[in-house]
């Protein structure tokens, strides 16, 4: 999936990758790929290692998707969290 994102970002950089629910915010493939790469670099700077779990507690959005991709670019996995899941999670 990450390889495909990189390929599409190079081939079709200006095509819409994400459109928010109300259609007001659009992110193209180049921006999404760049943003997720910056997230990955930041997580690595913080010491994230391959195969570690990262909890994500964000509203579903372009930011959420970029963080998911950034975690995967580090070779790690994410655990989505939300207020509706309760304290146990």
N, C-alpha and C. Protein backbone atom coordinates (compact mmCIF):
# COMPACT_ATOMS: atom_id res chain seq x y z
N UNK A 1 0.82 -1.19 0.00
CA UNK A 1 0.00 0.00 0.00
C UNK A 1 0.87 1.26 0.00
N UNK A 2 1.92 1.26 0.80
CA UNK A 2 2.79 2.44 0.86
C UNK A 2 3.53 2.65 -0.46
N UNK A 3 3.93 1.56 -1.09
CA UNK A 3 4.59 1.65 -2.39
C UNK A 3 3.63 2.25 -3.42
N UNK A 4 2.40 1.80 -3.37
CA UNK A 4 1.38 2.31 -4.31
C UNK A 4 1.13 3.80 -4.08
N UNK A 5 1.06 4.22 -2.83
CA UNK A 5 0.88 5.64 -2.52
C UNK A 5 2.01 6.46 -3.13
N UNK A 6 3.23 5.98 -2.96
CA UNK A 6 4.39 6.69 -3.51
C UNK A 6 4.31 6.77 -5.04
N UNK A 7 3.92 5.68 -5.67
CA UNK A 7 3.79 5.67 -7.13
C UNK A 7 2.72 6.64 -7.61
N UNK A 8 1.57 6.62 -6.97
CA UNK A 8 0.47 7.51 -7.37
C UNK A 8 0.85 8.96 -7.11
N UNK A 9 1.54 9.22 -6.00
CA UNK A 9 1.96 10.59 -5.69
C UNK A 9 2.91 11.13 -6.74
N UNK A 10 3.73 10.26 -7.33
CA UNK A 10 4.65 10.69 -8.39
C UNK A 10 3.94 10.84 -9.73
N UNK A 11 3.03 9.91 -10.02
CA UNK A 11 2.35 9.90 -11.32
C UNK A 11 1.23 10.93 -11.39
N UNK A 12 0.47 11.04 -10.32
CA UNK A 12 -0.70 11.93 -10.28
C UNK A 12 -0.65 12.80 -9.02
N UNK A 13 0.36 13.62 -8.87
CA UNK A 13 0.54 14.37 -7.62
C UNK A 13 -0.62 15.30 -7.25
N UNK A 14 -1.31 15.83 -8.24
CA UNK A 14 -2.35 16.81 -7.95
C UNK A 14 -3.76 16.23 -7.88
N UNK A 15 -3.90 14.94 -8.07
CA UNK A 15 -5.22 14.31 -7.96
C UNK A 15 -5.64 14.23 -6.50
N UNK A 16 -6.93 14.36 -6.28
CA UNK A 16 -7.46 14.31 -4.91
C UNK A 16 -7.30 12.92 -4.32
N UNK A 17 -6.69 12.88 -3.16
CA UNK A 17 -6.53 11.62 -2.43
C UNK A 17 -7.58 11.50 -1.35
N UNK A 18 -7.91 12.63 -0.71
CA UNK A 18 -8.88 12.66 0.38
C UNK A 18 -9.74 13.89 0.23
N UNK A 19 -11.03 13.70 0.38
CA UNK A 19 -11.98 14.81 0.42
C UNK A 19 -12.76 14.65 1.71
N UNK A 20 -12.79 15.70 2.54
CA UNK A 20 -13.49 15.56 3.81
C UNK A 20 -14.99 15.42 3.61
N UNK A 21 -15.68 15.11 4.68
CA UNK A 21 -17.11 14.79 4.61
C UNK A 21 -17.96 15.87 3.99
N UNK A 22 -17.65 17.12 4.30
CA UNK A 22 -18.47 18.20 3.75
C UNK A 22 -17.92 18.75 2.44
N UNK A 23 -16.83 18.17 1.96
CA UNK A 23 -16.27 18.57 0.68
C UNK A 23 -15.49 19.87 0.69
N UNK A 24 -15.25 20.42 1.88
CA UNK A 24 -14.55 21.71 1.96
C UNK A 24 -13.03 21.58 1.91
N UNK A 25 -12.50 20.45 2.32
CA UNK A 25 -11.05 20.28 2.37
C UNK A 25 -10.66 19.08 1.52
N UNK A 26 -9.75 19.32 0.60
CA UNK A 26 -9.25 18.26 -0.29
C UNK A 26 -7.73 18.21 -0.15
N UNK A 27 -7.20 17.01 -0.13
CA UNK A 27 -5.76 16.82 -0.07
C UNK A 27 -5.34 15.96 -1.25
N UNK A 28 -4.31 16.40 -1.95
CA UNK A 28 -3.85 15.62 -3.10
C UNK A 28 -2.83 14.57 -2.66
N UNK A 29 -2.52 13.66 -3.59
CA UNK A 29 -1.62 12.55 -3.27
C UNK A 29 -0.23 13.02 -2.86
N UNK A 30 0.30 14.02 -3.54
CA UNK A 30 1.64 14.50 -3.20
C UNK A 30 1.67 15.05 -1.78
N UNK A 31 0.67 15.82 -1.41
CA UNK A 31 0.61 16.39 -0.07
C UNK A 31 0.44 15.31 0.99
N UNK A 32 -0.42 14.34 0.71
CA UNK A 32 -0.65 13.25 1.67
C UNK A 32 0.63 12.44 1.86
N UNK A 33 1.31 12.13 0.77
CA UNK A 33 2.55 11.37 0.87
C UNK A 33 3.61 12.15 1.64
N UNK A 34 3.72 13.44 1.37
CA UNK A 34 4.69 14.29 2.06
C UNK A 34 4.36 14.39 3.55
N UNK A 35 3.11 14.63 3.86
CA UNK A 35 2.68 14.77 5.25
C UNK A 35 2.95 13.47 6.02
N UNK A 36 2.59 12.33 5.44
CA UNK A 36 2.81 11.07 6.13
C UNK A 36 4.31 10.78 6.30
N UNK A 37 5.12 11.21 5.36
CA UNK A 37 6.58 11.05 5.49
C UNK A 37 7.12 11.92 6.62
N UNK A 38 6.58 13.12 6.77
CA UNK A 38 7.00 13.98 7.88
C UNK A 38 6.58 13.39 9.22
N UNK A 39 5.39 12.81 9.27
CA UNK A 39 4.93 12.13 10.50
C UNK A 39 5.89 10.99 10.82
N UNK A 40 6.26 10.19 9.82
CA UNK A 40 7.17 9.07 10.03
C UNK A 40 8.53 9.57 10.55
N UNK A 41 9.05 10.62 9.97
CA UNK A 41 10.34 11.17 10.41
C UNK A 41 10.25 11.64 11.86
N UNK A 42 9.16 12.27 12.21
CA UNK A 42 8.98 12.75 13.58
C UNK A 42 8.90 11.57 14.55
N UNK A 43 8.14 10.56 14.20
CA UNK A 43 8.03 9.38 15.07
C UNK A 43 9.37 8.68 15.25
N UNK A 44 10.14 8.60 14.19
CA UNK A 44 11.48 8.00 14.28
C UNK A 44 12.38 8.85 15.17
N UNK A 45 12.27 10.17 15.06
CA UNK A 45 13.05 11.07 15.90
C UNK A 45 12.71 10.86 17.38
N UNK A 46 11.44 10.52 17.65
CA UNK A 46 11.02 10.27 19.03
C UNK A 46 11.45 8.88 19.51
N UNK A 47 11.98 8.07 18.59
CA UNK A 47 12.49 6.76 18.98
C UNK A 47 11.59 5.58 18.65
N UNK A 48 10.58 5.79 17.82
CA UNK A 48 9.71 4.69 17.44
C UNK A 48 10.51 3.63 16.69
N UNK A 49 10.36 2.40 17.12
CA UNK A 49 11.05 1.26 16.51
C UNK A 49 10.07 0.44 15.69
N UNK A 50 10.59 -0.34 14.75
CA UNK A 50 9.76 -1.23 13.94
C UNK A 50 8.98 -2.17 14.87
N UNK A 51 7.77 -2.44 14.45
CA UNK A 51 6.86 -3.37 15.11
C UNK A 51 6.32 -2.89 16.45
N UNK A 52 6.58 -1.65 16.83
CA UNK A 52 5.97 -1.09 18.02
C UNK A 52 4.55 -0.65 17.69
N UNK A 53 3.71 -0.59 18.71
CA UNK A 53 2.34 -0.11 18.54
C UNK A 53 2.25 1.36 18.88
N UNK A 54 1.46 2.07 18.11
CA UNK A 54 1.22 3.50 18.33
C UNK A 54 -0.28 3.71 18.46
N UNK A 55 -0.69 4.31 19.56
CA UNK A 55 -2.11 4.62 19.75
C UNK A 55 -2.42 5.92 19.02
N UNK A 56 -3.52 5.93 18.28
CA UNK A 56 -3.96 7.13 17.57
C UNK A 56 -5.32 7.52 18.12
N UNK A 57 -5.39 8.72 18.65
CA UNK A 57 -6.65 9.23 19.18
C UNK A 57 -6.94 10.57 18.53
N UNK A 58 -7.47 10.50 17.33
CA UNK A 58 -7.82 11.68 16.55
C UNK A 58 -9.19 11.45 15.92
N UNK A 59 -9.85 12.53 15.61
CA UNK A 59 -11.08 12.42 14.82
C UNK A 59 -10.69 11.93 13.43
N UNK A 60 -11.58 11.20 12.80
CA UNK A 60 -11.32 10.75 11.43
C UNK A 60 -11.17 11.98 10.54
N UNK A 61 -10.03 12.08 9.88
CA UNK A 61 -9.72 13.27 9.09
C UNK A 61 -8.50 12.97 8.23
N UNK A 62 -8.09 13.95 7.47
CA UNK A 62 -6.86 13.84 6.69
C UNK A 62 -5.67 13.64 7.62
N UNK A 63 -5.67 14.32 8.75
CA UNK A 63 -4.59 14.17 9.71
C UNK A 63 -4.51 12.73 10.22
N UNK A 64 -5.66 12.16 10.51
CA UNK A 64 -5.72 10.77 10.98
C UNK A 64 -5.11 9.83 9.95
N UNK A 65 -5.48 9.99 8.70
CA UNK A 65 -4.96 9.12 7.65
C UNK A 65 -3.46 9.31 7.47
N UNK A 66 -2.99 10.55 7.54
CA UNK A 66 -1.55 10.81 7.42
C UNK A 66 -0.78 10.17 8.57
N UNK A 67 -1.34 10.20 9.77
CA UNK A 67 -0.68 9.57 10.92
C UNK A 67 -0.66 8.05 10.74
N UNK A 68 -1.78 7.47 10.31
CA UNK A 68 -1.80 6.03 10.04
C UNK A 68 -0.69 5.64 9.07
N UNK A 69 -0.62 6.37 7.97
CA UNK A 69 0.40 6.08 6.95
C UNK A 69 1.81 6.31 7.49
N UNK A 70 1.99 7.36 8.27
CA UNK A 70 3.29 7.64 8.86
C UNK A 70 3.75 6.53 9.78
N UNK A 71 2.84 6.00 10.57
CA UNK A 71 3.17 4.88 11.47
C UNK A 71 3.58 3.67 10.63
N UNK A 72 2.81 3.39 9.59
CA UNK A 72 3.14 2.25 8.73
C UNK A 72 4.48 2.44 8.02
N UNK A 73 4.81 3.68 7.65
CA UNK A 73 6.10 3.96 7.01
C UNK A 73 7.26 3.67 7.95
N UNK A 74 7.00 3.69 9.25
CA UNK A 74 8.03 3.35 10.24
C UNK A 74 8.14 1.84 10.46
N UNK A 75 7.26 1.07 9.82
CA UNK A 75 7.26 -0.36 10.03
C UNK A 75 6.55 -0.76 11.31
N UNK A 76 5.73 0.13 11.82
CA UNK A 76 5.01 -0.09 13.06
C UNK A 76 3.53 -0.27 12.77
N UNK A 77 2.78 -0.50 13.82
CA UNK A 77 1.33 -0.66 13.69
C UNK A 77 0.63 0.35 14.59
N UNK A 78 -0.60 0.67 14.25
CA UNK A 78 -1.35 1.63 15.05
C UNK A 78 -2.57 0.97 15.68
N UNK A 79 -2.97 1.55 16.80
CA UNK A 79 -4.17 1.11 17.50
C UNK A 79 -5.10 2.32 17.54
N UNK A 80 -6.21 2.28 16.83
CA UNK A 80 -7.12 3.43 16.85
C UNK A 80 -7.88 3.49 18.18
N UNK A 81 -7.93 4.66 18.75
CA UNK A 81 -8.64 4.88 20.00
C UNK A 81 -9.71 5.96 19.80
N UNK A 82 -10.79 5.85 20.54
CA UNK A 82 -11.79 6.90 20.54
C UNK A 82 -12.47 6.92 21.91
N UNK A 83 -13.11 8.01 22.22
CA UNK A 83 -13.80 8.14 23.50
C UNK A 83 -14.87 7.08 23.66
N UNK A 84 -15.46 6.65 22.58
CA UNK A 84 -16.56 5.67 22.66
C UNK A 84 -16.07 4.26 22.98
N UNK A 85 -14.76 4.03 22.95
CA UNK A 85 -14.23 2.69 23.19
C UNK A 85 -14.05 2.38 24.68
N UNK A 86 -14.13 3.38 25.53
CA UNK A 86 -13.97 3.15 26.96
C UNK A 86 -12.51 3.14 27.38
N UNK A 87 -12.31 3.14 28.69
CA UNK A 87 -10.98 3.21 29.26
C UNK A 87 -10.17 1.94 29.05
N UNK A 88 -10.80 0.78 28.91
CA UNK A 88 -10.08 -0.49 28.80
C UNK A 88 -9.15 -0.53 27.61
N UNK A 89 -9.54 0.08 26.53
CA UNK A 89 -8.76 0.02 25.30
C UNK A 89 -7.48 0.77 25.52
